[in-house]
Amino acid sequence: QKAGVDHVIIVTGHRSDELITACFSLDHVSFVHNPNYASSGMIESAK
């Protein structure tokens, strides 16, 4: 955000609720969940 990025999408998986709680005060941030995080690679989360 300091660099000027307008929006951040965080892809969650393991311990997603804790991660979202940690970021609750951040503006211009959204979350999307990878339900298969335990068995998939980074490319699946990236997609």
All heavy atoms as atom14 arrays in JSON, in Angstrom:
{
  "sequence": "QKAGVDHVIIVTGHRSDELITACFSLDHVSFVHNPNYASSGMIESAK",
  "atom14_mask": [
    [1, 1, 1, 1, 1, 1, 1, 1, 1, 0, 0, 0, 0, 0],
    [1, 1, 1, 1, 1, 1, 1, 1, 1, 0, 0, 0, 0, 0],
    [1, 1, 1, 1, 1, 0, 0, 0, 0, 0, 0, 0, 0, 0],
    [1, 1, 1, 1, 0, 0, 0, 0, 0, 0, 0, 0, 0, 0],
    [1, 1, 1, 1, 1, 1, 1, 0, 0, 0, 0, 0, 0, 0],
    [1, 1, 1, 1, 1, 1, 1, 1, 0, 0, 0, 0, 0, 0],
    [1, 1, 1, 1, 1, 1, 1, 1, 1, 1, 0, 0, 0, 0],
    [1, 1, 1, 1, 1, 1, 1, 0, 0, 0, 0, 0, 0, 0],
    [1, 1, 1, 1, 1, 1, 1, 1, 0, 0, 0, 0, 0, 0],
    [1, 1, 1, 1, 1, 1, 1, 1, 0, 0, 0, 0, 0, 0],
    [1, 1, 1, 1, 1, 1, 1, 0, 0, 0, 0, 0, 0, 0],
    [1, 1, 1, 1, 1, 1, 1, 0, 0, 0, 0, 0, 0, 0],
    [1, 1, 1, 1, 0, 0, 0, 0, 0, 0, 0, 0, 0, 0],
    [1, 1, 1, 1, 1, 1, 1, 1, 1, 1, 0, 0, 0, 0],
    [1, 1, 1, 1, 1, 1, 1, 1, 1, 1, 1, 0, 0, 0],
    [1, 1, 1, 1, 1, 1, 0, 0, 0, 0, 0, 0, 0, 0],
    [1, 1, 1, 1, 1, 1, 1, 1, 0, 0, 0, 0, 0, 0],
    [1, 1, 1, 1, 1, 1, 1, 1, 1, 0, 0, 0, 0, 0],
    [1, 1, 1, 1, 1, 1, 1, 1, 0, 0, 0, 0, 0, 0],
    [1, 1, 1, 1, 1, 1, 1, 1, 0, 0, 0, 0, 0, 0],
    [1, 1, 1, 1, 1, 1, 1, 0, 0, 0, 0, 0, 0, 0],
    [1, 1, 1, 1, 1, 0, 0, 0, 0, 0, 0, 0, 0, 0],
    [1, 1, 1, 1, 1, 1, 0, 0, 0, 0, 0, 0, 0, 0],
    [1, 1, 1, 1, 1, 1, 1, 1, 1, 1, 1, 0, 0, 0],
    [1, 1, 1, 1, 1, 1, 0, 0, 0, 0, 0, 0, 0, 0],
    [1, 1, 1, 1, 1, 1, 1, 1, 0, 0, 0, 0, 0, 0],
    [1, 1, 1, 1, 1, 1, 1, 1, 0, 0, 0, 0, 0, 0],
    [1, 1, 1, 1, 1, 1, 1, 1, 1, 1, 0, 0, 0, 0],
    [1, 1, 1, 1, 1, 1, 1, 0, 0, 0, 0, 0, 0, 0],
    [1, 1, 1, 1, 1, 1, 0, 0, 0, 0, 0, 0, 0, 0],
    [1, 1, 1, 1, 1, 1, 1, 1, 1, 1, 1, 0, 0, 0],
    [1, 1, 1, 1, 1, 1, 1, 0, 0, 0, 0, 0, 0, 0],
    [1, 1, 1, 1, 1, 1, 1, 1, 1, 1, 0, 0, 0, 0],
    [1, 1, 1, 1, 1, 1, 1, 1, 0, 0, 0, 0, 0, 0],
    [1, 1, 1, 1, 1, 1, 1, 0, 0, 0, 0, 0, 0, 0],
    [1, 1, 1, 1, 1, 1, 1, 1, 0, 0, 0, 0, 0, 0],
    [1, 1, 1, 1, 1, 1, 1, 1, 1, 1, 1, 1, 0, 0],
    [1, 1, 1, 1, 1, 0, 0, 0, 0, 0, 0, 0, 0, 0],
    [1, 1, 1, 1, 1, 1, 0, 0, 0, 0, 0, 0, 0, 0],
    [1, 1, 1, 1, 1, 1, 0, 0, 0, 0, 0, 0, 0, 0],
    [1, 1, 1, 1, 0, 0, 0, 0, 0, 0, 0, 0, 0, 0],
    [1, 1, 1, 1, 1, 1, 1, 1, 0, 0, 0, 0, 0, 0],
    [1, 1, 1, 1, 1, 1, 1, 1, 0, 0, 0, 0, 0, 0],
    [1, 1, 1, 1, 1, 1, 1, 1, 1, 0, 0, 0, 0, 0],
    [1, 1, 1, 1, 1, 1, 0, 0, 0, 0, 0, 0, 0, 0],
    [1, 1, 1, 1, 1, 0, 0, 0, 0, 0, 0, 0, 0, 0],
    [1, 1, 1, 1, 1, 1, 1, 1, 1, 0, 0, 0, 0, 0]
  ],
  "atom14_positions": [
    [[0.82, -1.21, 0.0], [0.0, 0.0, 0.0], [0.86, 1.27, 0.0], [0.53, 2.25, -0.67], [-0.96, -0.03, 1.18], [-2.0, -1.15, 1.06], [-2.91, -1.24, 2.26], [-2.55, -0.85, 3.36], [-4.09, -1.81, 2.06], [0.0, 0.0, 0.0], [0.0, 0.0, 0.0], [0.0, 0.0, 0.0], [0.0, 0.0, 0.0], [0.0, 0.0, 0.0]],
    [[1.95, 1.24, 0.74], [2.86, 2.39, 0.76], [3.44, 2.66, -0.62], [3.7, 3.81, -0.99], [3.99, 2.15, 1.76], [4.93, 3.32, 1.95], [5.99, 3.02, 3.0], [6.95, 4.19, 3.17], [8.02, 3.87, 4.17], [0.0, 0.0, 0.0], [0.0, 0.0, 0.0], [0.0, 0.0, 0.0], [0.0, 0.0, 0.0], [0.0, 0.0, 0.0]],
    [[3.63, 1.59, -1.4], [4.17, 1.73, -2.75], [3.14, 2.21, -3.76], [3.49, 2.55, -4.89], [4.75, 0.39, -3.21], [0.0, 0.0, 0.0], [0.0, 0.0, 0.0], [0.0, 0.0, 0.0], [0.0, 0.0, 0.0], [0.0, 0.0, 0.0], [0.0, 0.0, 0.0], [0.0, 0.0, 0.0], [0.0, 0.0, 0.0], [0.0, 0.0, 0.0]],
    [[1.86, 2.21, -3.36], [0.81, 2.69, -4.25], [-0.07, 1.63, -4.84], [-0.88, 1.92, -5.74], [0.0, 0.0, 0.0], [0.0, 0.0, 0.0], [0.0, 0.0, 0.0], [0.0, 0.0, 0.0], [0.0, 0.0, 0.0], [0.0, 0.0, 0.0], [0.0, 0.0, 0.0], [0.0, 0.0, 0.0], [0.0, 0.0, 0.0], [0.0, 0.0, 0.0]],
    [[0.04, 0.39, -4.37], [-0.85, -0.67, -4.85], [-2.27, -0.37, -4.4], [-2.51, -0.06, -3.24], [-0.39, -2.05, -4.33], [-1.39, -3.13, -4.7], [0.99, -2.38, -4.87], [0.0, 0.0, 0.0], [0.0, 0.0, 0.0], [0.0, 0.0, 0.0], [0.0, 0.0, 0.0], [0.0, 0.0, 0.0], [0.0, 0.0, 0.0], [0.0, 0.0, 0.0]],
    [[-3.23, -0.45, -5.33], [-4.59, -0.03, -5.04], [-5.41, -1.06, -4.26], [-6.25, -0.69, -3.44], [-5.32, 0.28, -6.36], [-4.69, 1.47, -7.08], [-4.8, 2.59, -6.57], [-4.08, 1.25, -8.14], [0.0, 0.0, 0.0], [0.0, 0.0, 0.0], [0.0, 0.0, 0.0], [0.0, 0.0, 0.0], [0.0, 0.0, 0.0], [0.0, 0.0, 0.0]],
    [[-5.16, -2.33, -4.51], [-5.95, -3.36, -3.83], [-5.1, -4.61, -3.64], [-4.21, -4.9, -4.46], [-7.2, -3.72, -4.65], [-8.16, -4.6, -3.9], [-9.0, -4.13, -2.93], [-8.39, -5.94, -3.98], [-9.71, -5.12, -2.43], [-9.36, -6.24, -3.06], [0.0, 0.0, 0.0], [0.0, 0.0, 0.0], [0.0, 0.0, 0.0], [0.0, 0.0, 0.0]],
    [[-5.37, -5.34, -2.57], [-4.66, -6.58, -2.28], [-5.67, -7.7, -2.1], [-6.66, -7.54, -1.36], [-3.79, -6.45, -1.0], [-3.18, -7.79, -0.63], [-2.7, -5.4, -1.19], [0.0, 0.0, 0.0], [0.0, 0.0, 0.0], [0.0, 0.0, 0.0], [0.0, 0.0, 0.0], [0.0, 0.0, 0.0], [0.0, 0.0, 0.0], [0.0, 0.0, 0.0]],
    [[-5.43, -8.81, -2.78], [-6.22, -10.03, -2.61], [-5.34, -11.05, -1.9], [-4.26, -11.39, -2.39], [-6.69, -10.6, -3.96], [-7.62, -9.62, -4.67], [-7.39, -11.95, -3.76], [-7.97, -10.03, -6.1], [0.0, 0.0, 0.0], [0.0, 0.0, 0.0], [0.0, 0.0, 0.0], [0.0, 0.0, 0.0], [0.0, 0.0, 0.0], [0.0, 0.0, 0.0]],
    [[-5.79, -11.53, -0.75], [-5.06, -12.54, 0.0], [-5.76, -13.88, -0.16], [-6.95, -13.99, 0.13], [-4.95, -12.17, 1.49], [-4.19, -10.84, 1.65], [-4.26, -13.28, 2.27], [-4.16, -10.33, 3.08], [0.0, 0.0, 0.0], [0.0, 0.0, 0.0], [0.0, 0.0, 0.0], [0.0, 0.0, 0.0], [0.0, 0.0, 0.0], [0.0, 0.0, 0.0]],
    [[-5.04, -14.87, -0.66], [-5.6, -16.21, -0.83], [-5.31, -17.0, 0.45], [-4.16, -17.21, 0.8], [-5.01, -16.92, -2.05], [-5.66, -18.3, -2.22], [-5.18, -16.09, -3.3], [0.0, 0.0, 0.0], [0.0, 0.0, 0.0], [0.0, 0.0, 0.0], [0.0, 0.0, 0.0], [0.0, 0.0, 0.0], [0.0, 0.0, 0.0], [0.0, 0.0, 0.0]],
    [[-6.36, -17.41, 1.12], [-6.23, -18.11, 2.4], [-6.42, -19.61, 2.23], [-6.93, -20.08, 1.22], [-7.25, -17.59, 3.42], [-8.57, -17.96, 3.0], [-7.18, -16.07, 3.57], [0.0, 0.0, 0.0], [0.0, 0.0, 0.0], [0.0, 0.0, 0.0], [0.0, 0.0, 0.0], [0.0, 0.0, 0.0], [0.0, 0.0, 0.0], [0.0, 0.0, 0.0]],
    [[-6.02, -20.33, 3.26], [-6.21, -21.78, 3.3], [-6.14, -22.22, 4.74], [-7.12, -22.11, 5.49], [0.0, 0.0, 0.0], [0.0, 0.0, 0.0], [0.0, 0.0, 0.0], [0.0, 0.0, 0.0], [0.0, 0.0, 0.0], [0.0, 0.0, 0.0], [0.0, 0.0, 0.0], [0.0, 0.0, 0.0], [0.0, 0.0, 0.0], [0.0, 0.0, 0.0]],
    [[-4.97, -22.66, 5.17], [-4.73, -23.07, 6.56], [-4.95, -21.88, 7.5], [-4.49, -20.78, 7.25], [-3.3, -23.59, 6.65], [-2.9, -24.11, 7.99], [-3.62, -25.08, 8.66], [-1.84, -23.8, 8.79], [-3.02, -25.36, 9.8], [-1.95, -24.6, 9.92], [0.0, 0.0, 0.0], [0.0, 0.0, 0.0], [0.0, 0.0, 0.0], [0.0, 0.0, 0.0]],
    [[-5.7, -22.12, 8.55], [-5.95, -21.12, 9.61], [-6.46, -19.79, 9.02], [-6.05, -18.71, 9.41], [-4.69, -20.91, 10.43], [-4.28, -22.16, 11.21], [-2.93, -22.09, 11.87], [-2.84, -21.05, 12.88], [-1.78, -20.9, 13.68], [-0.75, -21.75, 13.59], [-1.75, -19.93, 14.57], [0.0, 0.0, 0.0], [0.0, 0.0, 0.0], [0.0, 0.0, 0.0]],
    [[-7.4, -19.91, 8.1], [-7.88, -18.73, 7.39], [-8.58, -17.73, 8.31], [-8.43, -16.51, 8.13], [-8.83, -19.14, 6.26], [-9.94, -19.86, 6.76], [0.0, 0.0, 0.0], [0.0, 0.0, 0.0], [0.0, 0.0, 0.0], [0.0, 0.0, 0.0], [0.0, 0.0, 0.0], [0.0, 0.0, 0.0], [0.0, 0.0, 0.0], [0.0, 0.0, 0.0]],
    [[-9.33, -18.22, 9.29], [-10.03, -17.31, 10.2], [-9.05, -16.44, 10.97], [-9.28, -15.23, 11.15], [-10.92, -18.09, 11.17], [-12.12, -18.73, 10.49], [-12.43, -18.32, 9.36], [-12.73, -19.62, 11.09], [0.0, 0.0, 0.0], [0.0, 0.0, 0.0], [0.0, 0.0, 0.0], [0.0, 0.0, 0.0], [0.0, 0.0, 0.0], [0.0, 0.0, 0.0]],
    [[-7.95, -17.03, 11.43], [-6.95, -16.26, 12.16], [-6.29, -15.22, 11.26], [-6.01, -14.1, 11.69], [-5.88, -17.19, 12.73], [-6.37, -18.14, 13.81], [-5.28, -19.11, 14.22], [-4.25, -18.65, 14.73], [-5.47, -20.32, 14.01], [0.0, 0.0, 0.0], [0.0, 0.0, 0.0], [0.0, 0.0, 0.0], [0.0, 0.0, 0.0], [0.0, 0.0, 0.0]],
    [[-6.06, -15.6, 10.04], [-5.43, -14.69, 9.09], [-6.33, -13.49, 8.81], [-5.88, -12.33, 8.82], [-5.13, -15.44, 7.8], [-4.32, -14.7, 6.74], [-2.94, -14.33, 7.27], [-4.17, -15.56, 5.49], [0.0, 0.0, 0.0], [0.0, 0.0, 0.0], [0.0, 0.0, 0.0], [0.0, 0.0, 0.0], [0.0, 0.0, 0.0], [0.0, 0.0, 0.0]],
    [[-7.6, -13.76, 8.58], [-8.55, -12.67, 8.32], [-8.68, -11.77, 9.53], [-8.72, -10.53, 9.41], [-9.92, -13.26, 7.91], [-9.79, -13.96, 6.54], [-10.99, -12.18, 7.86], [-11.01, -14.77, 6.15], [0.0, 0.0, 0.0], [0.0, 0.0, 0.0], [0.0, 0.0, 0.0], [0.0, 0.0, 0.0], [0.0, 0.0, 0.0], [0.0, 0.0, 0.0]],
    [[-8.71, -12.35, 10.71], [-8.78, -11.53, 11.94], [-7.56, -10.64, 12.08], [-7.68, -9.47, 12.46], [-8.9, -12.45, 13.17], [-10.11, -13.21, 13.08], [-8.91, -11.64, 14.45], [0.0, 0.0, 0.0], [0.0, 0.0, 0.0], [0.0, 0.0, 0.0], [0.0, 0.0, 0.0], [0.0, 0.0, 0.0], [0.0, 0.0, 0.0], [0.0, 0.0, 0.0]],
    [[-6.39, -11.16, 11.76], [-5.16, -10.37, 11.87], [-5.17, -9.17, 10.93], [-4.52, -8.16, 11.21], [-3.95, -11.25, 11.58], [0.0, 0.0, 0.0], [0.0, 0.0, 0.0], [0.0, 0.0, 0.0], [0.0, 0.0, 0.0], [0.0, 0.0, 0.0], [0.0, 0.0, 0.0], [0.0, 0.0, 0.0], [0.0, 0.0, 0.0], [0.0, 0.0, 0.0]],
    [[-5.92, -9.28, 9.85], [-5.94, -8.23, 8.83], [-7.2, -7.37, 8.88], [-7.47, -6.59, 7.96], [-5.82, -8.85, 7.44], [-4.29, -9.77, 7.15], [0.0, 0.0, 0.0], [0.0, 0.0, 0.0], [0.0, 0.0, 0.0], [0.0, 0.0, 0.0], [0.0, 0.0, 0.0], [0.0, 0.0, 0.0], [0.0, 0.0, 0.0], [0.0, 0.0, 0.0]],
    [[-7.98, -7.5, 9.96], [-9.31, -6.87, 9.99], [-9.26, -5.35, 9.83], [-10.21, -4.74, 9.32], [-10.04, -7.23, 11.28], [-9.6, -6.43, 12.48], [-10.32, -5.31, 12.88], [-8.47, -6.79, 13.2], [-9.92, -4.57, 13.98], [-8.06, -6.05, 14.3], [-8.77, -4.93, 14.69], [0.0, 0.0, 0.0], [0.0, 0.0, 0.0], [0.0, 0.0, 0.0]],
    [[-8.17, -4.72, 10.24], [-8.11, -3.26, 10.2], [-7.57, -2.72, 8.88], [-7.5, -1.49, 8.7], [-7.24, -2.74, 11.35], [-5.91, -3.19, 11.22], [0.0, 0.0, 0.0], [0.0, 0.0, 0.0], [0.0, 0.0, 0.0], [0.0, 0.0, 0.0], [0.0, 0.0, 0.0], [0.0, 0.0, 0.0], [0.0, 0.0, 0.0], [0.0, 0.0, 0.0]],
    [[-7.19, -3.58, 7.97], [-6.59, -3.14, 6.71], [-7.66, -2.74, 5.7], [-8.63, -3.47, 5.49], [-5.71, -4.25, 6.13], [-4.52, -4.69, 6.98], [-3.85, -5.9, 6.33], [-3.53, -3.56, 7.17], [0.0, 0.0, 0.0], [0.0, 0.0, 0.0], [0.0, 0.0, 0.0], [0.0, 0.0, 0.0], [0.0, 0.0, 0.0], [0.0, 0.0, 0.0]],
    [[-7.46, -1.61, 5.07], [-8.36, -1.17, 4.01], [-7.91, -1.71, 2.66], [-6.74, -2.04, 2.46], [-8.39, 0.36, 3.95], [-8.96, 0.99, 5.2], [-9.89, 0.4, 5.79], [-8.48, 2.07, 5.6], [0.0, 0.0, 0.0], [0.0, 0.0, 0.0], [0.0, 0.0, 0.0], [0.0, 0.0, 0.0], [0.0, 0.0, 0.0], [0.0, 0.0, 0.0]],
    [[-8.86, -1.79, 1.73], [-8.58, -2.19, 0.35], [-7.93, -3.57, 0.27], [-7.02, -3.81, -0.52], [-7.72, -1.15, -0.35], [-8.25, 0.25, -0.23], [-9.44, 0.63, -0.82], [-7.77, 1.33, 0.44], [-9.68, 1.91, -0.53], [-8.69, 2.35, 0.24], [0.0, 0.0, 0.0], [0.0, 0.0, 0.0], [0.0, 0.0, 0.0], [0.0, 0.0, 0.0]],
    [[-8.4, -4.47, 1.13], [-7.93, -5.85, 1.15], [-9.14, -6.77, 1.1], [-10.13, -6.56, 1.8], [-7.11, -6.15, 2.42], [-6.75, -7.63, 2.5], [-5.84, -5.3, 2.46], [0.0, 0.0, 0.0], [0.0, 0.0, 0.0], [0.0, 0.0, 0.0], [0.0, 0.0, 0.0], [0.0, 0.0, 0.0], [0.0, 0.0, 0.0], [0.0, 0.0, 0.0]],
    [[-9.08, -7.78, 0.25], [-10.14, -8.78, 0.21], [-9.51, -10.17, 0.3], [-8.3, -10.34, 0.13], [-10.97, -8.65, -1.08], [-10.16, -8.79, -2.23], [0.0, 0.0, 0.0], [0.0, 0.0, 0.0], [0.0, 0.0, 0.0], [0.0, 0.0, 0.0], [0.0, 0.0, 0.0], [0.0, 0.0, 0.0], [0.0, 0.0, 0.0], [0.0, 0.0, 0.0]],
    [[-10.35, -11.17, 0.57], [-9.88, -12.52, 0.8], [-10.63, -13.5, -0.08], [-11.82, -13.32, -0.36], [-10.08, -12.92, 2.27], [-9.38, -12.02, 3.24], [-10.01, -10.87, 3.73], [-8.09, -12.29, 3.65], [-9.37, -10.03, 4.61], [-7.44, -11.46, 4.55], [-8.07, -10.32, 5.02], [0.0, 0.0, 0.0], [0.0, 0.0, 0.0], [0.0, 0.0, 0.0]],
    [[-9.92, -14.53, -0.5], [-10.54, -15.63, -1.22], [-9.9, -16.91, -0.69], [-8.71, -16.93, -0.36], [-10.34, -15.48, -2.75], [-8.86, -15.45, -3.12], [-11.07, -16.58, -3.5], [0.0, 0.0, 0.0], [0.0, 0.0, 0.0], [0.0, 0.0, 0.0], [0.0, 0.0, 0.0], [0.0, 0.0, 0.0], [0.0, 0.0, 0.0], [0.0, 0.0, 0.0]],
    [[-10.7, -17.96, -0.56], [-10.24, -19.18, 0.12], [-9.98, -20.29, -0.87], [-10.76, -20.5, -1.81], [-11.31, -19.62, 1.13], [-10.88, -20.76, 1.99], [-9.87, -20.67, 2.93], [-11.33, -22.04, 2.06], [-9.72, -21.83, 3.54], [-10.59, -22.68, 3.03], [0.0, 0.0, 0.0], [0.0, 0.0, 0.0], [0.0, 0.0, 0.0], [0.0, 0.0, 0.0]],
    [[-8.88, -21.01, -0.66], [-8.6, -22.24, -1.4], [-9.0, -23.42, -0.52], [-8.27, -23.77, 0.41], [-7.12, -22.32, -1.76], [-6.76, -23.63, -2.45], [-7.63, -24.45, -2.74], [-5.48, -23.83, -2.72], [0.0, 0.0, 0.0], [0.0, 0.0, 0.0], [0.0, 0.0, 0.0], [0.0, 0.0, 0.0], [0.0, 0.0, 0.0], [0.0, 0.0, 0.0]],
    [[-10.13, -24.05, -0.78], [-10.59, -25.14, 0.09], [-9.7, -26.38, 0.0], [-9.74, -27.22, 0.9], [-12.0, -25.43, -0.43], [-11.97, -24.98, -1.86], [-11.06, -23.79, -1.9], [0.0, 0.0, 0.0], [0.0, 0.0, 0.0], [0.0, 0.0, 0.0], [0.0, 0.0, 0.0], [0.0, 0.0, 0.0], [0.0, 0.0, 0.0], [0.0, 0.0, 0.0]],
    [[-8.9, -26.48, -1.05], [-8.03, -27.65, -1.23], [-6.58, -27.32, -0.89], [-5.65, -27.95, -1.43], [-8.14, -28.15, -2.67], [-9.55, -28.56, -3.04], [-10.22, -29.25, -2.27], [-10.01, -28.13, -4.2], [0.0, 0.0, 0.0], [0.0, 0.0, 0.0], [0.0, 0.0, 0.0], [0.0, 0.0, 0.0], [0.0, 0.0, 0.0], [0.0, 0.0, 0.0]],
    [[-6.38, -26.36, 0.01], [-5.03, -25.89, 0.31], [-4.09, -27.0, 0.78], [-2.88, -26.95, 0.54], [-5.09, -24.78, 1.36], [-5.57, -25.22, 2.72], [-4.68, -25.71, 3.68], [-6.92, -25.16, 3.06], [-5.12, -26.14, 4.92], [-7.37, -25.58, 4.3], [-6.47, -26.07, 5.22], [-6.91, -26.48, 6.45], [0.0, 0.0, 0.0], [0.0, 0.0, 0.0]],
    [[-4.63, -28.01, 1.47], [-3.77, -29.05, 2.05], [-3.21, -29.99, 1.0], [-2.18, -30.64, 1.23], [-4.55, -29.84, 3.09], [0.0, 0.0, 0.0], [0.0, 0.0, 0.0], [0.0, 0.0, 0.0], [0.0, 0.0, 0.0], [0.0, 0.0, 0.0], [0.0, 0.0, 0.0], [0.0, 0.0, 0.0], [0.0, 0.0, 0.0], [0.0, 0.0, 0.0]],
    [[-3.85, -30.06, -0.15], [-3.43, -31.02, -1.17], [-3.04, -30.38, -2.49], [-2.66, -31.08, -3.44], [-4.55, -32.04, -1.43], [-5.74, -31.39, -1.85], [0.0, 0.0, 0.0], [0.0, 0.0, 0.0], [0.0, 0.0, 0.0], [0.0, 0.0, 0.0], [0.0, 0.0, 0.0], [0.0, 0.0, 0.0], [0.0, 0.0, 0.0], [0.0, 0.0, 0.0]],
    [[-3.13, -29.07, -2.59], [-2.83, -28.39, -3.85], [-1.56, -27.56, -3.71], [-1.12, -27.24, -2.61], [-4.01, -27.5, -4.28], [-4.25, -26.49, -3.31], [0.0, 0.0, 0.0], [0.0, 0.0, 0.0], [0.0, 0.0, 0.0], [0.0, 0.0, 0.0], [0.0, 0.0, 0.0], [0.0, 0.0, 0.0], [0.0, 0.0, 0.0], [0.0, 0.0, 0.0]],
    [[-0.98, -27.21, -4.85], [0.23, -26.41, -4.87], [-0.08, -24.92, -4.97], [-1.24, -24.5, -5.04], [0.0, 0.0, 0.0], [0.0, 0.0, 0.0], [0.0, 0.0, 0.0], [0.0, 0.0, 0.0], [0.0, 0.0, 0.0], [0.0, 0.0, 0.0], [0.0, 0.0, 0.0], [0.0, 0.0, 0.0], [0.0, 0.0, 0.0], [0.0, 0.0, 0.0]],
    [[1.0, -24.13, -5.01], [0.84, -22.68, -5.05], [0.11, -22.22, -6.3], [-0.63, -21.24, -6.27], [2.2, -21.99, -4.95], [2.08, -20.47, -4.84], [3.68, -19.62, -4.75], [4.26, -20.2, -3.16], [0.0, 0.0, 0.0], [0.0, 0.0, 0.0], [0.0, 0.0, 0.0], [0.0, 0.0, 0.0], [0.0, 0.0, 0.0], [0.0, 0.0, 0.0]],
    [[0.3, -22.94, -7.4], [-0.33, -22.48, -8.63], [-1.85, -22.52, -8.53], [-2.53, -21.65, -9.07], [0.16, -23.28, -9.86], [-0.36, -22.61, -11.14], [-0.22, -24.75, -9.77], [0.27, -23.14, -12.41], [0.0, 0.0, 0.0], [0.0, 0.0, 0.0], [0.0, 0.0, 0.0], [0.0, 0.0, 0.0], [0.0, 0.0, 0.0], [0.0, 0.0, 0.0]],
    [[-2.39, -23.52, -7.83], [-3.85, -23.57, -7.66], [-4.34, -22.37, -6.86], [-5.37, -21.76, -7.2], [-4.25, -24.87, -6.98], [-4.2, -26.11, -7.87], [-2.8, -26.63, -8.09], [-1.89, -26.24, -7.31], [-2.59, -27.41, -9.04], [0.0, 0.0, 0.0], [0.0, 0.0, 0.0], [0.0, 0.0, 0.0], [0.0, 0.0, 0.0], [0.0, 0.0, 0.0]],
    [[-3.62, -22.02, -5.8], [-4.0, -20.83, -5.02], [-3.85, -19.57, -5.85], [-4.69, -18.67, -5.79], [-3.13, -20.73, -3.76], [-3.42, -21.77, -2.85], [0.0, 0.0, 0.0], [0.0, 0.0, 0.0], [0.0, 0.0, 0.0], [0.0, 0.0, 0.0], [0.0, 0.0, 0.0], [0.0, 0.0, 0.0], [0.0, 0.0, 0.0], [0.0, 0.0, 0.0]],
    [[-2.78, -19.51, -6.64], [-2.57, -18.33, -7.5], [-3.72, -18.18, -8.5], [-4.23, -17.07, -8.71], [-1.24, -18.45, -8.23], [0.0, 0.0, 0.0], [0.0, 0.0, 0.0], [0.0, 0.0, 0.0], [0.0, 0.0, 0.0], [0.0, 0.0, 0.0], [0.0, 0.0, 0.0], [0.0, 0.0, 0.0], [0.0, 0.0, 0.0], [0.0, 0.0, 0.0]],
    [[-4.13, -19.28, -9.1], [-5.23, -19.21, -10.07], [-6.52, -18.72, -9.42], [-7.28, -17.95, -10.02], [-5.46, -20.58, -10.71], [-4.4, -21.0, -11.7], [-4.74, -22.36, -12.3], [-3.74, -22.79, -13.35], [-4.11, -24.09, -13.97], [0.0, 0.0, 0.0], [0.0, 0.0, 0.0], [0.0, 0.0, 0.0], [0.0, 0.0, 0.0], [0.0, 0.0, 0.0]]
  ]
}
